[in-house]
Amino acid sequence: MQRRHLLIAASAPPLLAGCSGELTPGFASWKQARESVLELLFRPRTLQGAWTLPQMLQHAAQSIEYSMQGFPEAKSALFRHTIGKAAFAVFDARGKMNHDLAEPIPGAPALDAQHALKTSVQRLLDAMEAFAAFKGELKPHFAYGELSRAEYERAHLMHLANHWTQLQPARS
């Protein structure tokens, strides 16, 4: 059965090549994502999930930073070239990502639950700005493997949008 899933996953990227579903509303552009991050300082929100809001923001910043620096750990080459590539192709075609919202990046430093919201927002904004200005070669994603600049930006936008589904208005 696993072999069958592997063969299906390996064939998915060519079948979906060129598909790019419309991104989740509010995250159709880097600018909109930055505005949504900054808005967290002015419109209090709570995070429904295992992490605090600052931890989620640190996690998102790590993901963007590692796309430029290199991820601390990677899935096997076989995984990245089959299942990982297929997963990204499906997310890309749907314009939406689904992943475990409490799973840290493999090998990344622990997320600080006590970190100030303002500091976490600033770290994510800084990572986004650095990515936008980055002229070097982007590093392979730990699960999806090699991604073009446009694919990476799209992956980051989908990643942020997926985490934003956990945000709720703060109760007074």
C-alpha atoms as a PDB file:
ATOM      1  CA  MET A   1       0.000   0.000   0.000  1.00  0.00           C
ATOM      2  CA  GLN A   2       2.801   2.477   0.819  1.00  0.00           C
ATOM      3  CA  ARG A   3       4.431   1.766  -2.533  1.00  0.00           C
ATOM      4  CA  ARG A   4       1.173   2.653  -4.295  1.00  0.00           C
ATOM      5  CA  HIS A   5       0.927   5.974  -2.414  1.00  0.00           C
ATOM      6  CA  LEU A   6       4.529   6.748  -3.292  1.00  0.00           C
ATOM      7  CA  LEU A   7       3.853   6.132  -6.997  1.00  0.00           C
ATOM      8  CA  ILE A   8       0.743   8.321  -6.902  1.00  0.00           C
ATOM      9  CA  ALA A   9       2.614  11.079  -5.074  1.00  0.00           C
ATOM     10  CA  ALA A  10       5.516  10.897  -7.516  1.00  0.00           C
ATOM     11  CA  SER A  11       3.180  11.330 -10.481  1.00  0.00           C
ATOM     12  CA  ALA A  12       1.161  14.215  -9.005  1.00  0.00           C
ATOM     13  CA  PRO A  13       3.554  17.122  -9.752  1.00  0.00           C
ATOM     14  CA  PRO A  14       3.554  16.580 -13.540  1.00  0.00           C
ATOM     15  CA  LEU A  15      -0.233  16.212 -13.520  1.00  0.00           C
ATOM     16  CA  LEU A  16      -0.626  19.490 -11.639  1.00  0.00           C
ATOM     17  CA  ALA A  17       2.220  21.394 -13.303  1.00  0.00           C
ATOM     18  CA  GLY A  18       1.154  24.884 -14.229  1.00  0.00           C
ATOM     19  CA  CYS A  19      -1.831  24.851 -11.862  1.00  0.00           C
ATOM     20  CA  SER A  20      -1.891  27.780  -9.540  1.00  0.00           C
ATOM     21  CA  GLY A  21      -5.067  28.177  -7.570  1.00  0.00           C
ATOM     22  CA  GLU A  22      -6.102  31.569  -6.307  1.00  0.00           C
ATOM     23  CA  LEU A  23      -4.516  32.272  -2.947  1.00  0.00           C
ATOM     24  CA  THR A  24      -6.584  32.516   0.213  1.00  0.00           C
ATOM     25  CA  PRO A  25      -8.144  36.014   0.490  1.00  0.00           C
ATOM     26  CA  GLY A  26      -6.017  38.511   2.400  1.00  0.00           C
ATOM     27  CA  PHE A  27      -2.804  36.786   1.418  1.00  0.00           C
ATOM     28  CA  ALA A  28      -2.840  37.246  -2.332  1.00  0.00           C
ATOM     29  CA  SER A  29       0.280  39.408  -2.130  1.00  0.00           C
ATOM     30  CA  TRP A  30       3.324  39.968   0.022  1.00  0.00           C
ATOM     31  CA  LYS A  31       2.049  43.487   0.759  1.00  0.00           C
ATOM     32  CA  GLN A  32      -1.305  42.192   2.058  1.00  0.00           C
ATOM     33  CA  ALA A  33       0.462  39.637   4.251  1.00  0.00           C
ATOM     34  CA  ARG A  34       2.753  42.313   5.728  1.00  0.00           C
ATOM     35  CA  GLU A  35      -0.267  44.528   6.457  1.00  0.00           C
ATOM     36  CA  SER A  36      -2.031  41.630   8.205  1.00  0.00           C
ATOM     37  CA  VAL A  37       1.040  40.962  10.352  1.00  0.00           C
ATOM     38  CA  LEU A  38       1.381  44.640  11.283  1.00  0.00           C
ATOM     39  CA  GLU A  39      -2.338  44.841  12.063  1.00  0.00           C
ATOM     40  CA  LEU A  40      -1.786  42.398  14.947  1.00  0.00           C
ATOM     41  CA  LEU A  41      -0.286  45.277  16.929  1.00  0.00           C
ATOM     42  CA  PHE A  42      -3.426  47.400  16.564  1.00  0.00           C
ATOM     43  CA  ARG A  43      -6.250  44.844  16.525  1.00  0.00           C
ATOM     44  CA  PRO A  44      -5.766  42.377  19.357  1.00  0.00           C
ATOM     45  CA  ARG A  45      -6.196  38.734  18.314  1.00  0.00           C
ATOM     46  CA  THR A  46      -5.858  35.460  20.128  1.00  0.00           C
ATOM     47  CA  LEU A  47      -4.556  32.233  18.704  1.00  0.00           C
ATOM     48  CA  GLN A  48      -6.638  29.120  19.037  1.00  0.00           C
ATOM     49  CA  GLY A  49      -4.172  26.261  19.223  1.00  0.00           C
ATOM     50  CA  ALA A  50      -1.185  24.813  21.010  1.00  0.00           C
ATOM     51  CA  TRP A  51       1.066  27.846  20.556  1.00  0.00           C
ATOM     52  CA  THR A  52       0.837  31.427  21.710  1.00  0.00           C
ATOM     53  CA  LEU A  53       0.491  34.123  19.053  1.00  0.00           C
ATOM     54  CA  PRO A  54       4.152  35.151  19.498  1.00  0.00           C
ATOM     55  CA  GLN A  55       5.229  31.514  18.989  1.00  0.00           C
ATOM     56  CA  MET A  56       3.240  31.264  15.765  1.00  0.00           C
ATOM     57  CA  LEU A  57       4.820  34.483  14.506  1.00  0.00           C
ATOM     58  CA  GLN A  58       8.307  33.212  15.410  1.00  0.00           C
ATOM     59  CA  HIS A  59       7.561  29.965  13.550  1.00  0.00           C
ATOM     60  CA  ALA A  60       6.489  31.893  10.438  1.00  0.00           C
ATOM     61  CA  ALA A  61       9.614  34.062  10.664  1.00  0.00           C
ATOM     62  CA  GLN A  62      11.821  30.963  10.984  1.00  0.00           C
ATOM     63  CA  SER A  63      10.303  29.509   7.829  1.00  0.00           C
ATOM     64  CA  ILE A  64      11.043  32.642   5.834  1.00  0.00           C
ATOM     65  CA  GLU A  65      14.539  33.047   7.325  1.00  0.00           C
ATOM     66  CA  TYR A  66      15.431  29.419   6.567  1.00  0.00           C
ATOM     67  CA  SER A  67      14.393  29.813   2.939  1.00  0.00           C
ATOM     68  CA  MET A  68      17.351  32.200   2.652  1.00  0.00           C
ATOM     69  CA  GLN A  69      19.786  30.618   5.176  1.00  0.00           C
ATOM     70  CA  GLY A  70      19.020  26.934   4.787  1.00  0.00           C
ATOM     71  CA  PHE A  71      16.852  24.731   6.987  1.00  0.00           C
ATOM     72  CA  PRO A  72      18.563  23.067   9.967  1.00  0.00           C
ATOM     73  CA  GLU A  73      17.245  19.610   8.996  1.00  0.00           C
ATOM     74  CA  ALA A  74      15.670  18.205   5.854  1.00  0.00           C
ATOM     75  CA  LYS A  75      13.522  15.244   4.964  1.00  0.00           C
ATOM     76  CA  SER A  76      15.258  12.610   2.833  1.00  0.00           C
ATOM     77  CA  ALA A  77      15.960  13.397  -0.824  1.00  0.00           C
ATOM     78  CA  LEU A  78      13.472  10.694  -1.791  1.00  0.00           C
ATOM     79  CA  PHE A  79      10.765  12.359   0.332  1.00  0.00           C
ATOM     80  CA  ARG A  80      11.517  15.838  -1.051  1.00  0.00           C
ATOM     81  CA  HIS A  81      11.444  14.612  -4.665  1.00  0.00           C
ATOM     82  CA  THR A  82       8.232  12.596  -4.317  1.00  0.00           C
ATOM     83  CA  ILE A  83       5.840  13.204  -1.433  1.00  0.00           C
ATOM     84  CA  GLY A  84       7.145  16.716  -0.665  1.00  0.00           C
ATOM     85  CA  LYS A  85       7.021  17.795  -4.304  1.00  0.00           C
ATOM     86  CA  ALA A  86       3.520  16.303  -4.657  1.00  0.00           C
ATOM     87  CA  ALA A  87       2.317  18.049  -1.486  1.00  0.00           C
ATOM     88  CA  PHE A  88       3.538  21.421  -2.712  1.00  0.00           C
ATOM     89  CA  ALA A  89       1.944  20.807  -6.133  1.00  0.00           C
ATOM     90  CA  VAL A  90      -1.405  20.086  -4.478  1.00  0.00           C
ATOM     91  CA  PHE A  91      -1.152  23.145  -2.197  1.00  0.00           C
ATOM     92  CA  ASP A  92      -0.129  25.294  -5.163  1.00  0.00           C
ATOM     93  CA  ALA A  93      -3.018  24.039  -7.306  1.00  0.00           C
ATOM     94  CA  ARG A  94      -5.507  24.692  -4.488  1.00  0.00           C
ATOM     95  CA  GLY A  95      -3.932  28.021  -3.511  1.00  0.00           C
ATOM     96  CA  LYS A  96      -4.152  26.845   0.063  1.00  0.00           C
ATOM     97  CA  MET A  97      -1.965  24.901   2.473  1.00  0.00           C
ATOM     98  CA  ASN A  98      -2.994  22.480   5.193  1.00  0.00           C
ATOM     99  CA  HIS A  99      -0.408  21.360   7.698  1.00  0.00           C
ATOM    100  CA  ASP A 100      -0.058  20.560  11.398  1.00  0.00           C
ATOM    101  CA  LEU A 101      -0.285  24.038  12.897  1.00  0.00           C
ATOM    102  CA  ALA A 102       1.661  23.042  16.017  1.00  0.00           C
ATOM    103  CA  GLU A 103       4.523  21.218  14.308  1.00  0.00           C
ATOM    104  CA  PRO A 104       7.844  23.039  14.643  1.00  0.00           C
ATOM    105  CA  ILE A 105      10.338  23.212  11.808  1.00  0.00           C
ATOM    106  CA  PRO A 106      12.673  20.205  12.208  1.00  0.00           C
ATOM    107  CA  GLY A 107      15.861  21.223  14.018  1.00  0.00           C
ATOM    108  CA  ALA A 108      14.721  24.805  14.630  1.00  0.00           C
ATOM    109  CA  PRO A 109      15.270  26.405  18.034  1.00  0.00           C
ATOM    110  CA  ALA A 110      12.336  26.182  20.425  1.00  0.00           C
ATOM    111  CA  LEU A 111       9.711  28.883  20.120  1.00  0.00           C
ATOM    112  CA  ASP A 112       9.540  31.262  23.099  1.00  0.00           C
ATOM    113  CA  ALA A 113       6.015  31.378  24.548  1.00  0.00           C
ATOM    114  CA  GLN A 114       6.946  34.416  26.683  1.00  0.00           C
ATOM    115  CA  HIS A 115       8.225  36.502  23.781  1.00  0.00           C
ATOM    116  CA  ALA A 116       6.535  39.904  23.503  1.00  0.00           C
ATOM    117  CA  LEU A 117       4.001  40.232  20.707  1.00  0.00           C
ATOM    118  CA  LYS A 118       5.649  43.417  19.415  1.00  0.00           C
ATOM    119  CA  THR A 119       9.037  41.685  19.173  1.00  0.00           C
ATOM    120  CA  SER A 120       7.548  38.661  17.390  1.00  0.00           C
ATOM    121  CA  VAL A 121       5.641  40.856  14.933  1.00  0.00           C
ATOM    122  CA  GLN A 122       8.832  42.802  14.210  1.00  0.00           C
ATOM    123  CA  ARG A 123      10.841  39.611  13.656  1.00  0.00           C
ATOM    124  CA  LEU A 124       8.296  38.374  11.112  1.00  0.00           C
ATOM    125  CA  LEU A 125       8.157  41.752   9.358  1.00  0.00           C
ATOM    126  CA  ASP A 126      11.970  41.836   9.247  1.00  0.00           C
ATOM    127  CA  ALA A 127      12.061  38.315   7.777  1.00  0.00           C
ATOM    128  CA  MET A 128       9.492  39.290   5.156  1.00  0.00           C
ATOM    129  CA  GLU A 129      11.436  42.416   4.240  1.00  0.00           C
ATOM    130  CA  ALA A 130      14.693  40.460   4.028  1.00  0.00           C
ATOM    131  CA  PHE A 131      13.027  37.898   1.749  1.00  0.00           C
ATOM    132  CA  ALA A 132      11.619  40.623  -0.508  1.00  0.00           C
ATOM    133  CA  ALA A 133      15.094  42.182  -0.846  1.00  0.00           C
ATOM    134  CA  PHE A 134      17.015  38.889  -1.059  1.00  0.00           C
ATOM    135  CA  LYS A 135      19.038  38.504  -4.261  1.00  0.00           C
ATOM    136  CA  GLY A 136      20.895  35.278  -3.417  1.00  0.00           C
ATOM    137  CA  GLU A 137      20.036  31.683  -4.172  1.00  0.00           C
ATOM    138  CA  LEU A 138      17.162  30.390  -2.072  1.00  0.00           C
ATOM    139  CA  LYS A 139      17.808  27.193  -0.149  1.00  0.00           C
ATOM    140  CA  PRO A 140      15.787  24.006  -0.625  1.00  0.00           C
ATOM    141  CA  HIS A 141      12.708  23.680   1.541  1.00  0.00           C
ATOM    142  CA  PHE A 142      13.057  20.950   4.165  1.00  0.00           C
ATOM    143  CA  ALA A 143      10.016  19.066   2.777  1.00  0.00           C
ATOM    144  CA  TYR A 144       9.297  20.456  -0.714  1.00  0.00           C
ATOM    145  CA  GLY A 145      12.880  20.615  -1.969  1.00  0.00           C
ATOM    146  CA  GLU A 146      13.919  23.159  -4.596  1.00  0.00           C
ATOM    147  CA  LEU A 147      11.462  26.003  -5.090  1.00  0.00           C
ATOM    148  CA  SER A 148      11.714  28.990  -7.398  1.00  0.00           C
ATOM    149  CA  ARG A 149      11.466  32.453  -5.888  1.00  0.00           C
ATOM    150  CA  ALA A 150       7.819  32.735  -6.980  1.00  0.00           C
ATOM    151  CA  GLU A 151       7.041  29.284  -5.554  1.00  0.00           C
ATOM    152  CA  TYR A 152       8.718  30.163  -2.259  1.00  0.00           C
ATOM    153  CA  GLU A 153       6.800  33.416  -1.964  1.00  0.00           C
ATOM    154  CA  ARG A 154       3.598  31.522  -2.674  1.00  0.00           C
ATOM    155  CA  ALA A 155       4.528  28.835  -0.126  1.00  0.00           C
ATOM    156  CA  HIS A 156       5.179  31.510   2.504  1.00  0.00           C
ATOM    157  CA  LEU A 157       1.853  33.225   1.751  1.00  0.00           C
ATOM    158  CA  MET A 158      -0.034  29.927   1.981  1.00  0.00           C
ATOM    159  CA  HIS A 159       1.832  29.067   5.193  1.00  0.00           C
ATOM    160  CA  LEU A 160       0.875  32.373   6.785  1.00  0.00           C
ATOM    161  CA  ALA A 161      -2.737  32.061   5.618  1.00  0.00           C
ATOM    162  CA  ASN A 162      -2.960  28.556   7.064  1.00  0.00           C
ATOM    163  CA  HIS A 163      -1.788  29.828  10.461  1.00  0.00           C
ATOM    164  CA  TRP A 164      -4.106  32.851  10.235  1.00  0.00           C
ATOM    165  CA  THR A 165      -7.064  30.450  10.308  1.00  0.00           C
ATOM    166  CA  GLN A 166      -6.333  30.043  14.033  1.00  0.00           C
ATOM    167  CA  LEU A 167      -6.718  33.752  14.826  1.00  0.00           C
ATOM    168  CA  GLN A 168      -9.777  34.934  16.691  1.00  0.00           C
ATOM    169  CA  PRO A 169     -10.742  38.469  17.773  1.00  0.00           C
ATOM    170  CA  ALA A 170      -9.506  39.128  21.309  1.00  0.00           C
ATOM    171  CA  ARG A 171     -12.208  39.115  23.954  1.00  0.00           C
ATOM    172  CA  SER A 172     -12.552  42.250  26.026  1.00  0.00           C
END
